[in-house]
Amino acid sequence: MTITKKLLATAALAGGLAMMAAAPASARVVCNNVGDCWHTDGPAPVVPGVTFSAHPDDWYFHQHWDDTHHFRDYHEGHGYYRNGLWITL
């Protein structure tokens, strides 16, 4: 391999690593229609009759917080909170 090809390969690798480091995280805060909110790494679940809203991961620090929302602990697995209880899907 010539020095030019090695330099191009190194530059391409460095550029790819820089792009991966700059990629946004998928974490978010999801809230249901009764005000239970929790951190999640995935999308909001799809549950008939339950409405979810997704917000940026730091959403609860903003002034939008009020007495109608209740922050719940992160929970492993796929599911959602309903009135403070984790429902596994």
N, C-alpha and C. Protein backbone atom coordinates (compact mmCIF):
# COMPACT_ATOMS: atom_id res chain seq x y z
N MET A 1 0.85 -1.17 0.00
CA MET A 1 0.00 0.00 0.00
C MET A 1 0.90 1.24 0.00
N THR A 2 0.57 2.16 -0.82
CA THR A 2 1.38 3.37 -0.91
C THR A 2 1.08 4.29 0.27
N ILE A 3 1.95 5.23 0.49
CA ILE A 3 1.78 6.18 1.60
C ILE A 3 0.51 7.00 1.42
N THR A 4 0.16 7.32 0.19
CA THR A 4 -1.06 8.10 -0.08
C THR A 4 -2.29 7.30 0.32
N LYS A 5 -2.33 6.02 -0.02
CA LYS A 5 -3.47 5.18 0.34
C LYS A 5 -3.57 5.02 1.85
N LYS A 6 -2.44 4.90 2.51
CA LYS A 6 -2.44 4.77 3.97
C LYS A 6 -2.97 6.04 4.63
N LEU A 7 -2.54 7.19 4.10
CA LEU A 7 -3.03 8.46 4.64
C LEU A 7 -4.53 8.62 4.42
N LEU A 8 -5.01 8.25 3.24
CA LEU A 8 -6.44 8.34 2.95
C LEU A 8 -7.24 7.40 3.85
N ALA A 9 -6.74 6.18 4.06
CA ALA A 9 -7.42 5.23 4.93
C ALA A 9 -7.47 5.75 6.36
N THR A 10 -6.37 6.32 6.84
CA THR A 10 -6.32 6.87 8.19
C THR A 10 -7.28 8.05 8.33
N ALA A 11 -7.32 8.91 7.32
CA ALA A 11 -8.23 10.06 7.36
C ALA A 11 -9.69 9.60 7.35
N ALA A 12 -9.99 8.58 6.55
CA ALA A 12 -11.36 8.08 6.51
C ALA A 12 -11.77 7.47 7.85
N LEU A 13 -10.87 6.72 8.47
CA LEU A 13 -11.14 6.13 9.78
C LEU A 13 -11.35 7.22 10.83
N ALA A 14 -10.50 8.22 10.83
CA ALA A 14 -10.62 9.32 11.79
C ALA A 14 -11.93 10.08 11.59
N GLY A 15 -12.30 10.30 10.34
CA GLY A 15 -13.56 10.99 10.05
C GLY A 15 -14.76 10.18 10.51
N GLY A 16 -14.71 8.87 10.30
CA GLY A 16 -15.80 8.01 10.75
C GLY A 16 -15.94 8.00 12.26
N LEU A 17 -14.82 7.95 12.95
CA LEU A 17 -14.86 7.97 14.41
C LEU A 17 -15.39 9.31 14.93
N ALA A 18 -15.02 10.38 14.27
CA ALA A 18 -15.52 11.71 14.68
C ALA A 18 -17.03 11.80 14.47
N MET A 19 -17.53 11.23 13.39
CA MET A 19 -18.98 11.26 13.13
C MET A 19 -19.73 10.43 14.17
N MET A 20 -19.18 9.28 14.56
CA MET A 20 -19.84 8.46 15.57
C MET A 20 -19.86 9.17 16.91
N ALA A 21 -18.80 9.87 17.24
CA ALA A 21 -18.74 10.57 18.52
C ALA A 21 -19.72 11.74 18.56
N ALA A 22 -20.01 12.32 17.41
CA ALA A 22 -20.91 13.46 17.35
C ALA A 22 -22.37 13.06 17.21
N ALA A 23 -22.66 11.77 17.03
CA ALA A 23 -24.03 11.31 16.86
C ALA A 23 -24.82 11.56 18.14
N PRO A 24 -26.07 12.01 18.01
CA PRO A 24 -26.86 12.27 19.19
C PRO A 24 -27.25 10.97 19.90
N ALA A 25 -27.37 11.04 21.21
CA ALA A 25 -27.80 9.89 21.99
C ALA A 25 -29.29 9.66 21.77
N SER A 26 -29.73 8.43 21.96
CA SER A 26 -31.14 8.13 21.75
C SER A 26 -31.96 8.22 23.03
N ALA A 27 -31.34 8.61 24.14
CA ALA A 27 -32.05 8.70 25.40
C ALA A 27 -33.08 9.82 25.35
N ARG A 28 -34.18 9.60 26.02
CA ARG A 28 -35.25 10.61 26.07
C ARG A 28 -36.07 10.39 27.32
N VAL A 29 -36.96 11.33 27.58
CA VAL A 29 -37.94 11.19 28.65
C VAL A 29 -39.29 10.96 27.97
N VAL A 30 -39.98 9.92 28.41
CA VAL A 30 -41.31 9.62 27.87
C VAL A 30 -42.31 9.82 28.99
N CYS A 31 -43.43 10.44 28.67
CA CYS A 31 -44.51 10.64 29.64
C CYS A 31 -45.80 10.04 29.09
N ASN A 32 -46.60 9.46 29.99
CA ASN A 32 -47.90 8.97 29.55
C ASN A 32 -48.95 10.05 29.80
N ASN A 33 -50.19 9.75 29.43
CA ASN A 33 -51.23 10.77 29.51
C ASN A 33 -51.71 11.08 30.93
N VAL A 34 -51.22 10.34 31.95
CA VAL A 34 -51.57 10.67 33.33
C VAL A 34 -50.41 11.30 34.09
N GLY A 35 -49.29 11.57 33.39
CA GLY A 35 -48.20 12.32 34.00
C GLY A 35 -47.04 11.50 34.53
N ASP A 36 -47.04 10.17 34.35
CA ASP A 36 -45.87 9.37 34.72
C ASP A 36 -44.80 9.60 33.66
N CYS A 37 -43.59 9.97 34.07
CA CYS A 37 -42.49 10.23 33.14
C CYS A 37 -41.27 9.42 33.56
N TRP A 38 -40.50 8.93 32.59
CA TRP A 38 -39.32 8.13 32.89
C TRP A 38 -38.32 8.23 31.75
N HIS A 39 -37.06 7.94 32.09
CA HIS A 39 -36.00 7.90 31.08
C HIS A 39 -36.09 6.60 30.32
N THR A 40 -35.80 6.65 29.02
CA THR A 40 -35.77 5.45 28.21
C THR A 40 -34.73 5.61 27.11
N ASP A 41 -34.22 4.50 26.64
CA ASP A 41 -33.27 4.51 25.53
C ASP A 41 -33.98 4.22 24.22
N GLY A 42 -35.22 3.80 24.28
CA GLY A 42 -35.95 3.44 23.07
C GLY A 42 -37.11 4.37 22.82
N PRO A 43 -37.86 4.07 21.80
CA PRO A 43 -39.03 4.91 21.49
C PRO A 43 -40.16 4.68 22.50
N ALA A 44 -41.11 5.57 22.50
CA ALA A 44 -42.28 5.40 23.36
C ALA A 44 -43.03 4.15 22.92
N PRO A 45 -43.57 3.38 23.88
CA PRO A 45 -44.30 2.17 23.50
C PRO A 45 -45.60 2.51 22.78
N VAL A 46 -46.13 1.54 22.10
CA VAL A 46 -47.43 1.69 21.45
C VAL A 46 -48.41 0.82 22.23
N VAL A 47 -49.34 1.47 22.91
CA VAL A 47 -50.32 0.77 23.74
C VAL A 47 -51.70 1.34 23.40
N PRO A 48 -52.64 0.50 22.99
CA PRO A 48 -53.98 1.00 22.68
C PRO A 48 -54.59 1.72 23.89
N GLY A 49 -55.11 2.90 23.66
CA GLY A 49 -55.77 3.67 24.70
C GLY A 49 -54.87 4.50 25.58
N VAL A 50 -53.55 4.42 25.38
CA VAL A 50 -52.61 5.20 26.18
C VAL A 50 -51.83 6.11 25.25
N THR A 51 -51.76 7.38 25.59
CA THR A 51 -51.03 8.36 24.80
C THR A 51 -49.70 8.66 25.48
N PHE A 52 -48.63 8.66 24.69
CA PHE A 52 -47.30 8.97 25.21
C PHE A 52 -46.75 10.18 24.49
N SER A 53 -45.92 10.94 25.20
CA SER A 53 -45.19 12.05 24.58
C SER A 53 -43.72 11.86 24.89
N ALA A 54 -42.86 12.14 23.91
CA ALA A 54 -41.41 12.00 24.09
C ALA A 54 -40.78 13.38 24.14
N HIS A 55 -39.78 13.51 24.99
CA HIS A 55 -39.08 14.78 25.19
C HIS A 55 -37.58 14.54 25.20
N PRO A 56 -36.77 15.58 25.00
CA PRO A 56 -35.32 15.42 25.11
C PRO A 56 -34.96 14.90 26.50
N ASP A 57 -33.81 14.25 26.60
CA ASP A 57 -33.39 13.61 27.84
C ASP A 57 -33.33 14.56 29.03
N ASP A 58 -33.06 15.84 28.81
CA ASP A 58 -32.96 16.79 29.91
C ASP A 58 -34.25 17.58 30.11
N TRP A 59 -35.34 17.14 29.54
CA TRP A 59 -36.61 17.88 29.55
C TRP A 59 -37.09 18.25 30.95
N TYR A 60 -36.96 17.36 31.92
CA TYR A 60 -37.53 17.61 33.25
C TYR A 60 -36.82 18.72 34.00
N PHE A 61 -35.68 19.16 33.54
CA PHE A 61 -35.00 20.27 34.19
C PHE A 61 -35.54 21.63 33.74
N HIS A 62 -36.35 21.60 32.74
CA HIS A 62 -36.87 22.86 32.19
C HIS A 62 -38.06 23.35 33.01
N GLN A 63 -38.48 24.53 32.72
CA GLN A 63 -39.59 25.14 33.45
C GLN A 63 -40.94 24.54 33.11
N HIS A 64 -40.97 23.57 32.19
CA HIS A 64 -42.23 22.93 31.81
C HIS A 64 -42.75 22.02 32.92
N TRP A 65 -41.90 21.70 33.89
CA TRP A 65 -42.29 20.77 34.94
C TRP A 65 -43.34 21.40 35.84
N ASP A 66 -44.34 20.64 36.21
CA ASP A 66 -45.37 21.14 37.10
C ASP A 66 -45.87 19.99 37.97
N ASP A 67 -46.89 20.24 38.77
CA ASP A 67 -47.40 19.22 39.70
C ASP A 67 -48.15 18.08 39.01
N THR A 68 -48.37 18.16 37.71
CA THR A 68 -49.10 17.11 37.02
C THR A 68 -48.20 16.01 36.49
N HIS A 69 -46.87 16.18 36.57
CA HIS A 69 -45.93 15.17 36.10
C HIS A 69 -45.16 14.58 37.28
N HIS A 70 -44.92 13.28 37.21
CA HIS A 70 -44.21 12.56 38.27
C HIS A 70 -43.09 11.76 37.64
N PHE A 71 -41.85 12.07 38.02
CA PHE A 71 -40.71 11.37 37.46
C PHE A 71 -40.57 10.00 38.11
N ARG A 72 -40.48 8.97 37.29
CA ARG A 72 -40.32 7.60 37.76
C ARG A 72 -38.90 7.12 37.45
N ASP A 73 -38.43 6.12 38.17
CA ASP A 73 -37.09 5.58 37.95
C ASP A 73 -36.99 4.87 36.61
N TYR A 74 -35.76 4.85 36.08
CA TYR A 74 -35.49 4.08 34.86
C TYR A 74 -35.82 2.62 35.15
N HIS A 75 -36.39 1.95 34.19
CA HIS A 75 -36.74 0.54 34.38
C HIS A 75 -36.23 -0.27 33.19
N GLU A 76 -35.58 -1.39 33.48
CA GLU A 76 -35.10 -2.28 32.42
C GLU A 76 -36.28 -2.91 31.69
N GLY A 77 -36.07 -3.23 30.43
CA GLY A 77 -37.08 -3.95 29.67
C GLY A 77 -38.03 -3.02 28.94
N HIS A 78 -38.86 -3.63 28.11
CA HIS A 78 -39.82 -2.87 27.29
C HIS A 78 -41.14 -2.80 28.04
N GLY A 79 -41.61 -1.59 28.26
CA GLY A 79 -42.86 -1.40 28.97
C GLY A 79 -43.13 0.07 29.21
N TYR A 80 -43.98 0.35 30.20
CA TYR A 80 -44.34 1.73 30.51
C TYR A 80 -44.88 1.79 31.93
N TYR A 81 -44.93 3.00 32.47
CA TYR A 81 -45.53 3.22 33.78
C TYR A 81 -47.00 3.55 33.63
N ARG A 82 -47.81 3.04 34.57
CA ARG A 82 -49.22 3.41 34.64
C ARG A 82 -49.54 3.64 36.11
N ASN A 83 -49.83 4.87 36.46
CA ASN A 83 -50.12 5.24 37.86
C ASN A 83 -49.02 4.79 38.82
N GLY A 84 -47.76 4.94 38.39
CA GLY A 84 -46.63 4.63 39.24
C GLY A 84 -46.18 3.19 39.22
N LEU A 85 -46.87 2.31 38.53
CA LEU A 85 -46.49 0.90 38.45
C LEU A 85 -45.97 0.57 37.06
N TRP A 86 -44.88 -0.21 36.99
CA TRP A 86 -44.29 -0.59 35.71
C TRP A 86 -45.10 -1.73 35.10
N ILE A 87 -45.51 -1.54 33.86
CA ILE A 87 -46.26 -2.56 33.10
C ILE A 87 -45.31 -3.10 32.03
N THR A 88 -44.96 -4.37 32.10
CA THR A 88 -44.06 -4.99 31.13
C THR A 88 -44.86 -5.39 29.89
N LEU A 89 -44.30 -5.05 28.75
CA LEU A 89 -44.95 -5.44 27.48
C LEU A 89 -44.30 -6.68 26.92
